Amino acid sequence: MMEHWAVWLIGGLLLAVGAGVFTLVWWKVGDQWADAEYKRFGHGGGSPGSSASETKVIRDFDSGGAESVGEEPTEKQV
């Protein structure tokens, strides 16, 4: 096994370079995916800069969907 040290050295270098290239490509693809998700859905909730005034609360499913926090709830019609 020691007589093939050059093969092991070259193989290890190729493995290290390949792993580095793979990692950089993985990060680039992940960043592109994250940018596309941000453009599609906007900035997600729970970030330190978000305020409570931007929060939407669903009060009544039957009367038309989401209302903002400051509005009065609509009455159900039976």
C-alpha atoms as a PDB file:
ATOM      1  CA  MET A   1       0.000   0.000   0.000  1.00  0.00           C
ATOM      2  CA  MET A   2       2.830   2.439   0.695  1.00  0.00           C
ATOM      3  CA  GLU A   3       4.221   1.995  -2.816  1.00  0.00           C
ATOM      4  CA  HIS A   4       1.095   3.673  -4.215  1.00  0.00           C
ATOM      5  CA  TRP A   5       1.361   6.858  -2.146  1.00  0.00           C
ATOM      6  CA  ALA A   6       1.141   9.068  -5.252  1.00  0.00           C
ATOM      7  CA  VAL A   7      -2.216   7.553  -6.201  1.00  0.00           C
ATOM      8  CA  TRP A   8      -3.586   8.162  -2.703  1.00  0.00           C
ATOM      9  CA  LEU A   9      -2.226  11.721  -2.682  1.00  0.00           C
ATOM     10  CA  ILE A  10      -3.729  12.595  -6.056  1.00  0.00           C
ATOM     11  CA  GLY A  11      -7.014  10.901  -5.148  1.00  0.00           C
ATOM     12  CA  GLY A  12      -7.214  12.843  -1.879  1.00  0.00           C
ATOM     13  CA  LEU A  13      -6.499  16.131  -3.617  1.00  0.00           C
ATOM     14  CA  LEU A  14      -9.167  15.422  -6.252  1.00  0.00           C
ATOM     15  CA  LEU A  15     -11.637  14.526  -3.518  1.00  0.00           C
ATOM     16  CA  ALA A  16     -10.892  17.736  -1.602  1.00  0.00           C
ATOM     17  CA  VAL A  17     -11.190  19.941  -4.693  1.00  0.00           C
ATOM     18  CA  GLY A  18     -14.370  18.147  -5.771  1.00  0.00           C
ATOM     19  CA  ALA A  19     -15.933  18.588  -2.334  1.00  0.00           C
ATOM     20  CA  GLY A  20     -15.070  22.298  -2.353  1.00  0.00           C
ATOM     21  CA  VAL A  21     -16.554  22.853  -5.811  1.00  0.00           C
ATOM     22  CA  PHE A  22     -19.663  20.858  -4.884  1.00  0.00           C
ATOM     23  CA  THR A  23     -20.145  22.961  -1.740  1.00  0.00           C
ATOM     24  CA  LEU A  24     -19.829  26.248  -3.639  1.00  0.00           C
ATOM     25  CA  VAL A  25     -22.303  25.106  -6.316  1.00  0.00           C
ATOM     26  CA  TRP A  26     -24.691  23.900  -3.583  1.00  0.00           C
ATOM     27  CA  TRP A  27     -24.581  27.333  -1.902  1.00  0.00           C
ATOM     28  CA  LYS A  28     -25.155  29.128  -5.203  1.00  0.00           C
ATOM     29  CA  VAL A  29     -28.200  26.979  -6.051  1.00  0.00           C
ATOM     30  CA  GLY A  30     -29.527  27.418  -2.505  1.00  0.00           C
ATOM     31  CA  ASP A  31     -29.163  31.201  -2.712  1.00  0.00           C
ATOM     32  CA  GLN A  32     -30.997  31.269  -6.039  1.00  0.00           C
ATOM     33  CA  TRP A  33     -33.805  29.184  -4.541  1.00  0.00           C
ATOM     34  CA  ALA A  34     -34.010  31.453  -1.475  1.00  0.00           C
ATOM     35  CA  ASP A  35     -34.144  34.566  -3.678  1.00  0.00           C
ATOM     36  CA  ALA A  36     -36.959  33.044  -5.739  1.00  0.00           C
ATOM     37  CA  GLU A  37     -38.901  32.183  -2.569  1.00  0.00           C
ATOM     38  CA  TYR A  38     -38.405  35.718  -1.242  1.00  0.00           C
ATOM     39  CA  LYS A  39     -39.715  37.195  -4.505  1.00  0.00           C
ATOM     40  CA  ARG A  40     -42.670  34.801  -4.488  1.00  0.00           C
ATOM     41  CA  PHE A  41     -43.749  35.102  -0.842  1.00  0.00           C
ATOM     42  CA  GLY A  42     -42.025  38.222   0.479  1.00  0.00           C
ATOM     43  CA  HIS A  43     -40.202  38.449   3.752  1.00  0.00           C
ATOM     44  CA  GLY A  44     -41.413  35.806   6.182  1.00  0.00           C
ATOM     45  CA  GLY A  45     -42.836  36.615   9.588  1.00  0.00           C
ATOM     46  CA  GLY A  46     -40.945  36.398  12.811  1.00  0.00           C
ATOM     47  CA  SER A  47     -38.015  38.526  11.765  1.00  0.00           C
ATOM     48  CA  PRO A  48     -36.634  40.938  14.363  1.00  0.00           C
ATOM     49  CA  GLY A  49     -37.676  43.972  12.267  1.00  0.00           C
ATOM     50  CA  SER A  50     -41.326  42.998  11.812  1.00  0.00           C
ATOM     51  CA  SER A  51     -43.997  44.838  13.774  1.00  0.00           C
ATOM     52  CA  ALA A  52     -47.359  43.700  15.112  1.00  0.00           C
ATOM     53  CA  SER A  53     -49.233  46.189  12.889  1.00  0.00           C
ATOM     54  CA  GLU A  54     -48.337  44.094   9.827  1.00  0.00           C
ATOM     55  CA  THR A  55     -49.898  40.958  11.306  1.00  0.00           C
ATOM     56  CA  LYS A  56     -53.108  39.658   9.731  1.00  0.00           C
ATOM     57  CA  VAL A  57     -55.581  37.728  11.850  1.00  0.00           C
ATOM     58  CA  ILE A  58     -58.411  35.659  10.440  1.00  0.00           C
ATOM     59  CA  ARG A  59     -61.490  36.422  12.521  1.00  0.00           C
ATOM     60  CA  ASP A  60     -64.306  34.859  10.563  1.00  0.00           C
ATOM     61  CA  PHE A  61     -63.955  32.376   7.733  1.00  0.00           C
ATOM     62  CA  ASP A  62     -67.535  32.902   6.518  1.00  0.00           C
ATOM     63  CA  SER A  63     -67.474  36.667   6.039  1.00  0.00           C
ATOM     64  CA  GLY A  64     -64.652  37.226   3.622  1.00  0.00           C
ATOM     65  CA  GLY A  65     -61.255  36.270   4.994  1.00  0.00           C
ATOM     66  CA  ALA A  66     -58.496  38.147   6.734  1.00  0.00           C
ATOM     67  CA  GLU A  67     -58.887  41.445   8.521  1.00  0.00           C
ATOM     68  CA  SER A  68     -56.229  43.594  10.043  1.00  0.00           C
ATOM     69  CA  VAL A  69     -55.720  43.682  13.791  1.00  0.00           C
ATOM     70  CA  GLY A  70     -57.298  47.105  14.399  1.00  0.00           C
ATOM     71  CA  GLU A  71     -60.652  46.461  12.709  1.00  0.00           C
ATOM     72  CA  GLU A  72     -63.815  45.317  14.397  1.00  0.00           C
ATOM     73  CA  PRO A  73     -64.888  41.752  13.640  1.00  0.00           C
ATOM     74  CA  THR A  74     -67.825  41.344  11.299  1.00  0.00           C
ATOM     75  CA  GLU A  75     -70.998  39.745  12.546  1.00  0.00           C
ATOM     76  CA  LYS A  76     -72.080  36.379  11.244  1.00  0.00           C
ATOM     77  CA  GLN A  77     -75.344  36.258   9.380  1.00  0.00           C
ATOM     78  CA  VAL A  78     -77.355  33.217  10.323  1.00  0.00           C
END
